[in-house]
Amino acid sequence: MKLKNQINNVLNLSIPVIMAPMFLVSNVSMIKAAMHNGIAGVFPSLNFRKQGELERILQELNDTLLSIDKGNYGVNLIVQKSNALYKKHLEICIKYQVPFFVTSLGDPTETINQAHAYGGKVFCDVTTLKHAEICAKAGCDGFIAVGHGAGGHAGEHPLHVLIPALKKAFPQIPVIAAGGIATGSGILATQVMGADGVSIGTRFIASTECSVNEQYKQAITNAGMDDIVLTEKLSGTPCNVINTEDVKRLGYKQHWLQRWLSKYKRTKKWYKLFVQINGMKKLEKSVLPNYYNQMWSAGKSVHLIDEVASCDDIVEQLIKEYKTAYSTLDSWLE
């Protein structure tokens, strides 16, 4: 199935689906599987922090790109100042001419300017119209509308409000919907609301290509929507996770001193860096085969995920469900 769509044209896809970037989860096998299925695979640059690792991955994905007709890959960059590796990773990505970027948590201007110099595209995570305006003025190629219920750093607003609000305010900028999407009917629903494509993350954690431990995958398939909670204590930014005993012990809200340190001009950069590094270590201990913690990022779409499957089968199922949903919707019209 191929859909005529602006995102497909911009990113050279068969269907307007992005495999969302997931910290410590997205790997090369998943990205390649996405590309071979005609969708886009995106990974956080912070997943590859060892010397020479990111360069090797980008070369491998560029080689894959030459071997396929449809499909693409992108890199997610945390562009706020607390990311000490941002400048270095951007330089590497520009050198290898990454096809497109997804920026998060900061001003994307530098990334946009450097990517546009060689024809790269930049889509920006946005949760509010205020941040969307900053990204639009910087010249972004699209928004990733991160709504309530998304895994990881989720937004406050439901997609059925956020998407049309973005389309109304910025009618010329494509919108990718993210948050709570795990089925083909979910894809169609966001299109009806005005989205030009979707970003799906949590569904692909429960894939055979994903290398996280089996306990994490089983937690995804066993959890319901009420098992997903927001915590500020993991990264300093509200983050959706499965409400395990470890998360309950960690807590959900920063206390007054933590909030002050994260906002005070002289301390916020270094305190946020400290919180992020500490949270990163906790997450690393949770995803490895010999896991120590149970701090697992996930979105409310866990409620719709019942089994572990290959990326090929997941994409095939999404297409099948999309067709069924479309046929059902079409039957309502006289």
C-alpha atoms as a PDB file:
ATOM      1  CA  MET A   1       0.000   0.000   0.000  1.00  0.00           C
ATOM      2  CA  LYS A   2       1.196   3.488  -0.859  1.00  0.00           C
ATOM      3  CA  LEU A   3      -0.493   6.660   0.324  1.00  0.00           C
ATOM      4  CA  LYS A   4      -0.287   9.942  -1.559  1.00  0.00           C
ATOM      5  CA  ASN A   5       0.954  12.224   1.141  1.00  0.00           C
ATOM      6  CA  GLN A   6       3.139  15.284   1.633  1.00  0.00           C
ATOM      7  CA  ILE A   7       5.299  13.515   4.225  1.00  0.00           C
ATOM      8  CA  ASN A   8       5.858  10.584   1.885  1.00  0.00           C
ATOM      9  CA  ASN A   9       7.155  12.982  -0.742  1.00  0.00           C
ATOM     10  CA  VAL A  10       9.384  14.918   1.659  1.00  0.00           C
ATOM     11  CA  LEU A  11      10.898  11.823   3.303  1.00  0.00           C
ATOM     12  CA  ASN A  12      10.582   9.304   0.427  1.00  0.00           C
ATOM     13  CA  LEU A  13       8.263   6.897   2.263  1.00  0.00           C
ATOM     14  CA  SER A  14       5.594   4.434   1.198  1.00  0.00           C
ATOM     15  CA  ILE A  15       3.392   5.195   4.189  1.00  0.00           C
ATOM     16  CA  PRO A  16       3.685   8.274   6.444  1.00  0.00           C
ATOM     17  CA  VAL A  17       4.918   6.446   9.541  1.00  0.00           C
ATOM     18  CA  ILE A  18       7.980   7.217  11.655  1.00  0.00           C
ATOM     19  CA  MET A  19       9.414   4.683  14.062  1.00  0.00           C
ATOM     20  CA  ALA A  20       9.936   7.106  16.930  1.00  0.00           C
ATOM     21  CA  PRO A  21      13.349   7.651  18.513  1.00  0.00           C
ATOM     22  CA  MET A  22      13.561   5.887  21.885  1.00  0.00           C
ATOM     23  CA  PHE A  23      16.429   6.458  24.287  1.00  0.00           C
ATOM     24  CA  LEU A  24      18.445   3.251  24.897  1.00  0.00           C
ATOM     25  CA  VAL A  25      15.857   1.303  22.880  1.00  0.00           C
ATOM     26  CA  SER A  26      16.225   2.235  19.192  1.00  0.00           C
ATOM     27  CA  ASN A  27      18.946   0.147  17.541  1.00  0.00           C
ATOM     28  CA  VAL A  28      20.342  -0.398  14.055  1.00  0.00           C
ATOM     29  CA  SER A  29      18.285  -3.541  13.394  1.00  0.00           C
ATOM     30  CA  MET A  30      15.073  -1.660  14.161  1.00  0.00           C
ATOM     31  CA  ILE A  31      16.037   1.301  11.969  1.00  0.00           C
ATOM     32  CA  LYS A  32      16.961  -0.946   9.046  1.00  0.00           C
ATOM     33  CA  ALA A  33      13.703  -2.884   9.409  1.00  0.00           C
ATOM     34  CA  ALA A  34      11.796   0.401   9.291  1.00  0.00           C
ATOM     35  CA  MET A  35      13.645   1.478   6.149  1.00  0.00           C
ATOM     36  CA  HIS A  36      13.028  -1.833   4.384  1.00  0.00           C
ATOM     37  CA  ASN A  37       9.303  -1.511   5.165  1.00  0.00           C
ATOM     38  CA  GLY A  38       9.046   1.891   3.526  1.00  0.00           C
ATOM     39  CA  ILE A  39       8.753   3.881   6.728  1.00  0.00           C
ATOM     40  CA  ALA A  40      11.268   6.102   8.537  1.00  0.00           C
ATOM     41  CA  GLY A  41      13.354   4.910  11.461  1.00  0.00           C
ATOM     42  CA  VAL A  42      14.702   7.526  13.858  1.00  0.00           C
ATOM     43  CA  PHE A  43      17.167   7.007  16.706  1.00  0.00           C
ATOM     44  CA  PRO A  44      18.520   9.333  19.416  1.00  0.00           C
ATOM     45  CA  SER A  45      22.147  10.246  18.825  1.00  0.00           C
ATOM     46  CA  LEU A  46      22.682   9.662  22.558  1.00  0.00           C
ATOM     47  CA  ASN A  47      22.165   5.926  22.013  1.00  0.00           C
ATOM     48  CA  PHE A  48      25.643   5.844  20.453  1.00  0.00           C
ATOM     49  CA  ARG A  49      28.077   7.662  22.714  1.00  0.00           C
ATOM     50  CA  LYS A  50      31.263   5.584  22.341  1.00  0.00           C
ATOM     51  CA  GLN A  51      34.134   6.917  20.235  1.00  0.00           C
ATOM     52  CA  GLY A  52      33.483   6.316  16.511  1.00  0.00           C
ATOM     53  CA  GLU A  53      30.165   4.538  17.146  1.00  0.00           C
ATOM     54  CA  LEU A  54      27.838   7.168  15.704  1.00  0.00           C
ATOM     55  CA  GLU A  55      30.009   7.566  12.581  1.00  0.00           C
ATOM     56  CA  ARG A  56      29.915   3.819  11.953  1.00  0.00           C
ATOM     57  CA  ILE A  57      26.132   3.681  12.357  1.00  0.00           C
ATOM     58  CA  LEU A  58      25.526   6.601   9.999  1.00  0.00           C
ATOM     59  CA  GLN A  59      27.744   5.092   7.300  1.00  0.00           C
ATOM     60  CA  GLU A  60      25.903   1.783   7.620  1.00  0.00           C
ATOM     61  CA  LEU A  61      22.511   3.462   7.325  1.00  0.00           C
ATOM     62  CA  ASN A  62      23.639   5.578   4.369  1.00  0.00           C
ATOM     63  CA  ASP A  63      24.705   2.363   2.623  1.00  0.00           C
ATOM     64  CA  THR A  64      21.279   0.849   3.363  1.00  0.00           C
ATOM     65  CA  LEU A  65      19.592   3.951   1.991  1.00  0.00           C
ATOM     66  CA  LEU A  66      21.302   3.396  -1.360  1.00  0.00           C
ATOM     67  CA  SER A  67      19.926  -0.148  -1.576  1.00  0.00           C
ATOM     68  CA  ILE A  68      16.204   0.620  -1.141  1.00  0.00           C
ATOM     69  CA  ASP A  69      13.563   2.387  -3.201  1.00  0.00           C
ATOM     70  CA  LYS A  70      11.372   3.716  -0.373  1.00  0.00           C
ATOM     71  CA  GLY A  71      12.171   4.275   3.288  1.00  0.00           C
ATOM     72  CA  ASN A  72      14.425   6.601   5.242  1.00  0.00           C
ATOM     73  CA  TYR A  73      16.196   7.272   8.521  1.00  0.00           C
ATOM     74  CA  GLY A  74      16.700  10.244  10.790  1.00  0.00           C
ATOM     75  CA  VAL A  75      18.527  11.255  13.956  1.00  0.00           C
ATOM     76  CA  ASN A  76      16.989  12.715  17.080  1.00  0.00           C
ATOM     77  CA  LEU A  77      19.035  15.482  18.715  1.00  0.00           C
ATOM     78  CA  ILE A  78      18.399  16.910  22.173  1.00  0.00           C
ATOM     79  CA  VAL A  79      19.240  20.520  21.365  1.00  0.00           C
ATOM     80  CA  GLN A  80      19.035  22.097  24.811  1.00  0.00           C
ATOM     81  CA  LYS A  81      22.234  23.293  26.501  1.00  0.00           C
ATOM     82  CA  SER A  82      22.238  20.508  29.097  1.00  0.00           C
ATOM     83  CA  ASN A  83      23.125  17.991  26.351  1.00  0.00           C
ATOM     84  CA  ALA A  84      26.918  18.108  26.469  1.00  0.00           C
ATOM     85  CA  LEU A  85      27.201  15.979  23.311  1.00  0.00           C
ATOM     86  CA  TYR A  86      24.869  18.055  21.134  1.00  0.00           C
ATOM     87  CA  LYS A  87      27.526  20.052  19.270  1.00  0.00           C
ATOM     88  CA  LYS A  88      29.720  17.017  18.658  1.00  0.00           C
ATOM     89  CA  HIS A  89      26.825  14.849  17.459  1.00  0.00           C
ATOM     90  CA  LEU A  90      25.469  17.593  15.197  1.00  0.00           C
ATOM     91  CA  GLU A  91      28.882  17.985  13.582  1.00  0.00           C
ATOM     92  CA  ILE A  92      29.079  14.240  12.893  1.00  0.00           C
ATOM     93  CA  CYS A  93      25.536  14.109  11.514  1.00  0.00           C
ATOM     94  CA  ILE A  94      26.174  17.037   9.199  1.00  0.00           C
ATOM     95  CA  LYS A  95      29.378  15.376   7.961  1.00  0.00           C
ATOM     96  CA  TYR A  96      27.406  12.245   7.002  1.00  0.00           C
ATOM     97  CA  GLN A  97      24.494  14.312   5.645  1.00  0.00           C
ATOM     98  CA  VAL A  98      21.758  12.696   7.704  1.00  0.00           C
ATOM     99  CA  PRO A  99      18.553  12.864   5.607  1.00  0.00           C
ATOM    100  CA  PHE A 100      16.437  14.356   8.382  1.00  0.00           C
ATOM    101  CA  PHE A 101      16.490  15.287  12.038  1.00  0.00           C
ATOM    102  CA  VAL A 102      13.999  15.303  14.878  1.00  0.00           C
ATOM    103  CA  THR A 103      14.909  17.946  17.455  1.00  0.00           C
ATOM    104  CA  SER A 104      13.750  17.928  21.083  1.00  0.00           C
ATOM    105  CA  LEU A 105      13.786  20.199  24.144  1.00  0.00           C
ATOM    106  CA  GLY A 106      15.374  23.400  22.873  1.00  0.00           C
ATOM    107  CA  ASP A 107      15.974  25.926  20.098  1.00  0.00           C
ATOM    108  CA  PRO A 108      16.427  24.055  16.794  1.00  0.00           C
ATOM    109  CA  THR A 109      17.814  27.014  14.796  1.00  0.00           C
ATOM    110  CA  GLU A 110      21.402  25.783  14.556  1.00  0.00           C
ATOM    111  CA  THR A 111      20.357  22.285  13.485  1.00  0.00           C
ATOM    112  CA  ILE A 112      17.933  23.669  10.901  1.00  0.00           C
ATOM    113  CA  ASN A 113      20.468  26.027   9.362  1.00  0.00           C
ATOM    114  CA  GLN A 114      23.177  23.383   9.060  1.00  0.00           C
ATOM    115  CA  ALA A 115      20.833  20.678   7.745  1.00  0.00           C
ATOM    116  CA  HIS A 116      19.236  22.964   5.167  1.00  0.00           C
ATOM    117  CA  ALA A 117      22.686  23.820   3.808  1.00  0.00           C
ATOM    118  CA  TYR A 118      22.845  20.383   2.148  1.00  0.00           C
ATOM    119  CA  GLY A 119      19.116  19.710   1.728  1.00  0.00           C
ATOM    120  CA  GLY A 120      18.443  17.879   5.005  1.00  0.00           C
ATOM    121  CA  LYS A 121      15.050  18.225   6.670  1.00  0.00           C
ATOM    122  CA  VAL A 122      14.279  19.045  10.295  1.00  0.00           C
ATOM    123  CA  PHE A 123      11.124  18.132  12.193  1.00  0.00           C
ATOM    124  CA  CYS A 124      10.706  19.527  15.701  1.00  0.00           C
ATOM    125  CA  ASP A 125       9.035  17.965  18.716  1.00  0.00           C
ATOM    126  CA  VAL A 126       6.425  20.435  19.968  1.00  0.00           C
ATOM    127  CA  THR A 127       3.932  20.206  22.806  1.00  0.00           C
ATOM    128  CA  THR A 128       2.676  23.799  22.784  1.00  0.00           C
ATOM    129  CA  LEU A 129       1.924  26.531  20.260  1.00  0.00           C
ATOM    130  CA  LYS A 130       4.561  28.715  21.905  1.00  0.00           C
ATOM    131  CA  HIS A 131       7.362  26.261  21.137  1.00  0.00           C
ATOM    132  CA  ALA A 132       5.882  25.591  17.699  1.00  0.00           C
ATOM    133  CA  GLU A 133       6.153  29.308  16.910  1.00  0.00           C
ATOM    134  CA  ILE A 134       9.872  29.271  17.799  1.00  0.00           C
ATOM    135  CA  CYS A 135      10.419  26.276  15.513  1.00  0.00           C
ATOM    136  CA  ALA A 136       8.363  27.786  12.696  1.00  0.00           C
ATOM    137  CA  LYS A 137      10.348  31.033  12.802  1.00  0.00           C
ATOM    138  CA  ALA A 138      13.556  28.996  12.695  1.00  0.00           C
ATOM    139  CA  GLY A 139      12.355  27.407   9.437  1.00  0.00           C
ATOM    140  CA  CYS A 140      11.507  23.841  10.478  1.00  0.00           C
ATOM    141  CA  ASP A 141      10.160  21.450   7.847  1.00  0.00           C
ATOM    142  CA  GLY A 142       7.501  19.972  10.105  1.00  0.00           C
ATOM    143  CA  PHE A 143       6.215  19.471  13.628  1.00  0.00           C
ATOM    144  CA  ILE A 144       6.128  16.298  15.694  1.00  0.00           C
ATOM    145  CA  ALA A 145       3.009  16.994  17.750  1.00  0.00           C
ATOM    146  CA  VAL A 146       3.741  15.181  21.014  1.00  0.00           C
ATOM    147  CA  GLY A 147       0.462  14.716  22.824  1.00  0.00           C
ATOM    148  CA  HIS A 148      -0.732  13.437  26.160  1.00  0.00           C
ATOM    149  CA  GLY A 149      -0.032   9.736  26.558  1.00  0.00           C
ATOM    150  CA  ALA A 150       3.165   9.614  24.524  1.00  0.00           C
ATOM    151  CA  GLY A 151       6.025   7.520  25.829  1.00  0.00           C
ATOM    152  CA  GLY A 152       9.012   9.353  27.274  1.00  0.00           C
ATOM    153  CA  HIS A 153       8.715  13.159  27.286  1.00  0.00           C
ATOM    154  CA  ALA A 154       4.995  13.575  26.737  1.00  0.00           C
ATOM    155  CA  GLY A 155       2.925  16.681  26.153  1.00  0.00           C
ATOM    156  CA  GLU A 156       0.021  17.976  28.220  1.00  0.00           C
ATOM    157  CA  HIS A 157      -2.538  18.331  25.434  1.00  0.00           C
ATOM    158  CA  PRO A 158      -4.603  15.609  23.712  1.00  0.00           C
ATOM    159  CA  LEU A 159      -3.859  15.115  20.027  1.00  0.00           C
ATOM    160  CA  HIS A 160      -7.431  15.877  18.956  1.00  0.00           C
ATOM    161  CA  VAL A 161      -6.826  19.442  20.210  1.00  0.00           C
ATOM    162  CA  LEU A 162      -3.094  19.854  19.546  1.00  0.00           C
ATOM    163  CA  ILE A 163      -3.158  18.730  15.889  1.00  0.00           C
ATOM    164  CA  PRO A 164      -5.946  21.055  14.639  1.00  0.00           C
ATOM    165  CA  ALA A 165      -4.494  23.896  16.731  1.00  0.00           C
ATOM    166  CA  LEU A 166      -1.136  23.518  14.980  1.00  0.00           C
ATOM    167  CA  LYS A 167      -2.765  23.232  11.548  1.00  0.00           C
ATOM    168  CA  LYS A 168      -4.813  26.360  12.208  1.00  0.00           C
ATOM    169  CA  ALA A 169      -1.840  28.399  13.439  1.00  0.00           C
ATOM    170  CA  PHE A 170       0.671  27.084  10.887  1.00  0.00           C
ATOM    171  CA  PRO A 171      -1.335  25.777   7.890  1.00  0.00           C
ATOM    172  CA  GLN A 172       1.715  25.368   5.634  1.00  0.00           C
ATOM    173  CA  ILE A 173       3.751  23.210   8.030  1.00  0.00           C
ATOM    174  CA  PRO A 174       3.224  19.425   8.059  1.00  0.00           C
ATOM    175  CA  VAL A 175       2.244  17.835  11.370  1.00  0.00           C
ATOM    176  CA  ILE A 176       3.284  14.370  12.534  1.00  0.00           C
ATOM    177  CA  ALA A 177       1.119  13.004  15.364  1.00  0.00           C
ATOM    178  CA  ALA A 178       2.838  11.300  18.310  1.00  0.00           C
ATOM    179  CA  GLY A 179       1.321   9.816  21.424  1.00  0.00           C
ATOM    180  CA  GLY A 180      -0.973   6.851  21.998  1.00  0.00           C
ATOM    181  CA  ILE A 181      -0.813   5.473  18.429  1.00  0.00           C
ATOM    182  CA  ALA A 182      -0.282   1.725  18.034  1.00  0.00           C
ATOM    183  CA  THR A 183      -2.863   0.646  15.452  1.00  0.00           C
ATOM    184  CA  GLY A 184      -3.843   1.342  11.867  1.00  0.00           C
ATOM    185  CA  SER A 185      -7.135   2.841  13.018  1.00  0.00           C
ATOM    186  CA  GLY A 186      -5.109   5.198  15.205  1.00  0.00           C
ATOM    187  CA  ILE A 187      -3.178   6.338  12.136  1.00  0.00           C
ATOM    188  CA  LEU A 188      -6.423   7.034  10.262  1.00  0.00           C
ATOM    189  CA  ALA A 189      -7.887   8.875  13.244  1.00  0.00           C
ATOM    190  CA  THR A 190      -4.971  11.318  13.357  1.00  0.00           C
ATOM    191  CA  GLN A 191      -5.304  11.936   9.621  1.00  0.00           C
ATOM    192  CA  VAL A 192      -8.960  12.791  10.094  1.00  0.00           C
ATOM    193  CA  MET A 193      -7.852  15.345  12.708  1.00  0.00           C
ATOM    194  CA  GLY A 194      -5.456  16.897  10.187  1.00  0.00           C
ATOM    195  CA  ALA A 195      -2.165  15.100  10.765  1.00  0.00           C
ATOM    196  CA  ASP A 196       0.077  14.412   7.788  1.00  0.00           C
ATOM    197  CA  GLY A 197       1.665  11.330   9.364  1.00  0.00           C
ATOM    198  CA  VAL A 198       2.349   9.565  12.647  1.00  0.00           C
ATOM    199  CA  SER A 199       5.242   8.727  14.937  1.00  0.00           C
ATOM    200  CA  ILE A 200       4.947   5.360  16.702  1.00  0.00           C
ATOM    201  CA  GLY A 201       7.323   4.332  19.471  1.00  0.00           C
ATOM    202  CA  THR A 202       5.994   2.052  22.204  1.00  0.00           C
ATOM    203  CA  ARG A 203       4.605  -0.533  19.755  1.00  0.00           C
ATOM    204  CA  PHE A 204       8.097  -1.169  18.418  1.00  0.00           C
ATOM    205  CA  ILE A 205       9.574  -1.839  21.867  1.00  0.00           C
ATOM    206  CA  ALA A 206       7.639  -5.101  21.743  1.00  0.00           C
ATOM    207  CA  SER A 207       9.454  -6.210  18.584  1.00  0.00           C
ATOM    208  CA  THR A 208      11.865  -9.067  17.967  1.00  0.00           C
ATOM    209  CA  GLU A 209      14.453  -6.646  16.602  1.00  0.00           C
ATOM    210  CA  CYS A 210      14.430  -4.608  19.813  1.00  0.00           C
ATOM    211  CA  SER A 211      17.316  -5.612  22.097  1.00  0.00           C
ATOM    212  CA  VAL A 212      15.917  -4.580  25.480  1.00  0.00           C
ATOM    213  CA  ASN A 213      15.443  -7.330  28.065  1.00  0.00           C
ATOM    214  CA  GLU A 214      12.432  -9.624  27.850  1.00  0.00           C
ATOM    215  CA  GLN A 215      11.038  -8.311  31.133  1.00  0.00           C
ATOM    216  CA  TYR A 216      10.681  -4.856  29.553  1.00  0.00           C
ATOM    217  CA  LYS A 217       8.908  -6.312  26.522  1.00  0.00           C
ATOM    218  CA  GLN A 218       6.559  -8.361  28.693  1.00  0.00           C
ATOM    219  CA  ALA A 219       5.814  -5.287  30.797  1.00  0.00           C
ATOM    220  CA  ILE A 220       4.739  -3.527  27.582  1.00  0.00           C
ATOM    221  CA  THR A 221       2.369  -6.342  26.600  1.00  0.00           C
ATOM    222  CA  ASN A 222       0.960  -6.754  30.132  1.00  0.00           C
ATOM    223  CA  ALA A 223       0.455  -3.096  31.079  1.00  0.00           C
ATOM    224  CA  GLY A 224      -2.739  -1.113  30.655  1.00  0.00           C
ATOM    225  CA  MET A 225      -3.278   2.599  30.146  1.00  0.00           C
ATOM    226  CA  ASP A 226      -3.683   3.174  33.893  1.00  0.00           C
ATOM    227  CA  ASP A 227      -0.226   1.692  34.505  1.00  0.00           C
ATOM    228  CA  ILE A 228       1.457   4.632  32.729  1.00  0.00           C
ATOM    229  CA  VAL A 229       2.423   7.588  34.932  1.00  0.00           C
ATOM    230  CA  LEU A 230       4.318  10.851  34.552  1.00  0.00           C
ATOM    231  CA  THR A 231       7.429  11.414  36.627  1.00  0.00           C
ATOM    232  CA  GLU A 232       9.637  14.494  36.815  1.00  0.00           C
ATOM    233  CA  LYS A 233      12.270  12.689  38.864  1.00  0.00           C
ATOM    234  CA  LEU A 234      13.877  10.657  36.072  1.00  0.00           C
ATOM    235  CA  SER A 235      15.090  13.349  33.662  1.00  0.00           C
ATOM    236  CA  GLY A 236      13.829  16.633  35.088  1.00  0.00           C
ATOM    237  CA  THR A 237      11.211  16.843  32.344  1.00  0.00           C
ATOM    238  CA  PRO A 238       7.823  15.084  32.738  1.00  0.00           C
ATOM    239  CA  CYS A 239       8.320  11.576  31.375  1.00  0.00           C
ATOM    240  CA  ASN A 240       5.824   8.736  30.907  1.00  0.00           C
ATOM    241  CA  VAL A 241       6.906   5.394  32.384  1.00  0.00           C
ATOM    242  CA  ILE A 242       5.366   2.119  33.537  1.00  0.00           C
ATOM    243  CA  ASN A 243       4.438   2.464  37.191  1.00  0.00           C
ATOM    244  CA  THR A 244       6.722  -0.219  38.636  1.00  0.00           C
ATOM    245  CA  GLU A 245       7.775  -0.513  42.266  1.00  0.00           C
ATOM    246  CA  ASP A 246      11.088   1.187  41.394  1.00  0.00           C
ATOM    247  CA  VAL A 247       9.212   4.162  39.931  1.00  0.00           C
ATOM    248  CA  LYS A 248       7.000   4.385  43.018  1.00  0.00           C
ATOM    249  CA  ARG A 249      10.118   4.563  45.191  1.00  0.00           C
ATOM    250  CA  LEU A 250      11.654   7.206  42.912  1.00  0.00           C
ATOM    251  CA  GLY A 251       8.536   9.372  43.071  1.00  0.00           C
ATOM    252  CA  TYR A 252       6.712  11.541  40.576  1.00  0.00           C
ATOM    253  CA  LYS A 253       7.215  15.208  41.530  1.00  0.00           C
ATOM    254  CA  GLN A 254      10.383  17.204  42.156  1.00  0.00           C
ATOM    255  CA  HIS A 255      10.485  18.833  45.598  1.00  0.00           C
ATOM    256  CA  TRP A 256      10.845  22.609  45.989  1.00  0.00           C
ATOM    257  CA  LEU A 257      14.658  22.645  46.027  1.00  0.00           C
ATOM    258  CA  GLN A 258      14.929  20.526  42.889  1.00  0.00           C
ATOM    259  CA  ARG A 259      12.472  22.795  41.084  1.00  0.00           C
ATOM    260  CA  TRP A 260      14.414  25.883  42.194  1.00  0.00           C
ATOM    261  CA  LEU A 261      17.758  24.439  41.076  1.00  0.00           C
ATOM    262  CA  SER A 262      16.295  23.563  37.672  1.00  0.00           C
ATOM    263  CA  LYS A 263      15.003  27.112  37.129  1.00  0.00           C
ATOM    264  CA  TYR A 264      17.629  29.364  38.741  1.00  0.00           C
ATOM    265  CA  LYS A 265      19.786  30.917  36.018  1.00  0.00           C
ATOM    266  CA  ARG A 266      23.149  30.029  37.583  1.00  0.00           C
ATOM    267  CA  THR A 267      22.305  26.416  38.387  1.00  0.00           C
ATOM    268  CA  LYS A 268      19.721  25.172  35.892  1.00  0.00           C
ATOM    269  CA  LYS A 269      22.146  24.029  33.173  1.00  0.00           C
ATOM    270  CA  TRP A 270      24.331  22.009  35.521  1.00  0.00           C
ATOM    271  CA  TYR A 271      21.502  20.698  37.657  1.00  0.00           C
ATOM    272  CA  LYS A 272      19.558  19.525  34.610  1.00  0.00           C
ATOM    273  CA  LEU A 273      22.723  17.849  33.317  1.00  0.00           C
ATOM    274  CA  PHE A 274      23.159  16.089  36.666  1.00  0.00           C
ATOM    275  CA  VAL A 275      19.534  14.897  36.702  1.00  0.00           C
ATOM    276  CA  GLN A 276      19.719  13.673  33.106  1.00  0.00           C
ATOM    277  CA  ILE A 277      22.961  11.747  33.654  1.00  0.00           C
ATOM    278  CA  ASN A 278      21.584  10.178  36.820  1.00  0.00           C
ATOM    279  CA  GLY A 279      18.345   9.260  35.044  1.00  0.00           C
ATOM    280  CA  MET A 280      20.300   7.889  32.086  1.00  0.00           C
ATOM    281  CA  LYS A 281      22.166   5.509  34.386  1.00  0.00           C
ATOM    282  CA  LYS A 282      18.902   4.288  35.927  1.00  0.00           C
ATOM    283  CA  LEU A 283      17.399   3.652  32.480  1.00  0.00           C
ATOM    284  CA  GLU A 284      20.532   1.828  31.281  1.00  0.00           C
ATOM    285  CA  LYS A 285      20.260  -0.570  34.205  1.00  0.00           C
ATOM    286  CA  SER A 286      16.648  -1.212  33.231  1.00  0.00           C
ATOM    287  CA  VAL A 287      17.012  -2.137  29.549  1.00  0.00           C
ATOM    288  CA  LEU A 288      20.104  -4.357  29.595  1.00  0.00           C
ATOM    289  CA  PRO A 289      19.716  -8.175  29.480  1.00  0.00           C
ATOM    290  CA  ASN A 290      20.929  -8.495  33.081  1.00  0.00           C
ATOM    291  CA  TYR A 291      18.651  -5.779  34.381  1.00  0.00           C
ATOM    292  CA  TYR A 292      18.864  -4.202  37.832  1.00  0.00           C
ATOM    293  CA  ASN A 293      16.029  -1.680  37.844  1.00  0.00           C
ATOM    294  CA  GLN A 294      12.521  -1.602  36.434  1.00  0.00           C
ATOM    295  CA  MET A 295      12.271   1.938  35.104  1.00  0.00           C
ATOM    296  CA  TRP A 296      10.765   1.502  31.695  1.00  0.00           C
ATOM    297  CA  SER A 297       9.624   4.308  29.424  1.00  0.00           C
ATOM    298  CA  ALA A 298       6.341   3.669  27.607  1.00  0.00           C
ATOM    299  CA  GLY A 299       3.197   5.417  26.421  1.00  0.00           C
ATOM    300  CA  LYS A 300      -0.456   4.732  27.116  1.00  0.00           C
ATOM    301  CA  SER A 301      -0.690   2.758  23.873  1.00  0.00           C
ATOM    302  CA  VAL A 302       0.591  -0.231  25.906  1.00  0.00           C
ATOM    303  CA  HIS A 303      -3.102  -0.950  26.414  1.00  0.00           C
ATOM    304  CA  LEU A 304      -3.338  -1.846  22.713  1.00  0.00           C
ATOM    305  CA  ILE A 305      -0.242  -4.075  22.557  1.00  0.00           C
ATOM    306  CA  ASP A 306      -0.722  -7.779  23.274  1.00  0.00           C
ATOM    307  CA  GLU A 307       2.277  -9.521  21.750  1.00  0.00           C
ATOM    308  CA  VAL A 308       5.886  -9.278  20.658  1.00  0.00           C
ATOM    309  CA  ALA A 309       6.208  -9.372  16.859  1.00  0.00           C
ATOM    310  CA  SER A 310       8.766  -8.592  14.166  1.00  0.00           C
ATOM    311  CA  CYS A 311       8.914  -5.058  12.772  1.00  0.00           C
ATOM    312  CA  ASP A 312       7.818  -6.497   9.415  1.00  0.00           C
ATOM    313  CA  ASP A 313       4.696  -8.002  10.984  1.00  0.00           C
ATOM    314  CA  ILE A 314       3.958  -4.847  12.966  1.00  0.00           C
ATOM    315  CA  VAL A 315       4.011  -2.668   9.840  1.00  0.00           C
ATOM    316  CA  GLU A 316       1.946  -5.228   7.921  1.00  0.00           C
ATOM    317  CA  GLN A 317      -0.611  -5.254  10.748  1.00  0.00           C
ATOM    318  CA  LEU A 318      -0.755  -1.457  10.803  1.00  0.00           C
ATOM    319  CA  ILE A 319      -1.531  -1.408   7.083  1.00  0.00           C
ATOM    320  CA  LYS A 320      -4.176  -4.119   7.435  1.00  0.00           C
ATOM    321  CA  GLU A 321      -5.851  -2.294  10.314  1.00  0.00           C
ATOM    322  CA  TYR A 322      -5.694   0.988   8.417  1.00  0.00           C
ATOM    323  CA  LYS A 323      -7.490  -0.523   5.422  1.00  0.00           C
ATOM    324  CA  THR A 324     -10.152  -2.062   7.652  1.00  0.00           C
ATOM    325  CA  ALA A 325     -10.708   1.201   9.499  1.00  0.00           C
ATOM    326  CA  TYR A 326     -10.877   3.133   6.241  1.00  0.00           C
ATOM    327  CA  SER A 327     -13.440   0.706   4.810  1.00  0.00           C
ATOM    328  CA  THR A 328     -15.535   0.994   7.958  1.00  0.00           C
ATOM    329  CA  LEU A 329     -15.396   4.783   7.854  1.00  0.00           C
ATOM    330  CA  ASP A 330     -16.261   4.810   4.141  1.00  0.00           C
ATOM    331  CA  SER A 331     -19.328   2.652   4.795  1.00  0.00           C
ATOM    332  CA  TRP A 332     -20.778   5.425   6.945  1.00  0.00           C
ATOM    333  CA  LEU A 333     -21.104   7.682   3.915  1.00  0.00           C
ATOM    334  CA  GLU A 334     -24.172   7.457   1.708  1.00  0.00           C
END
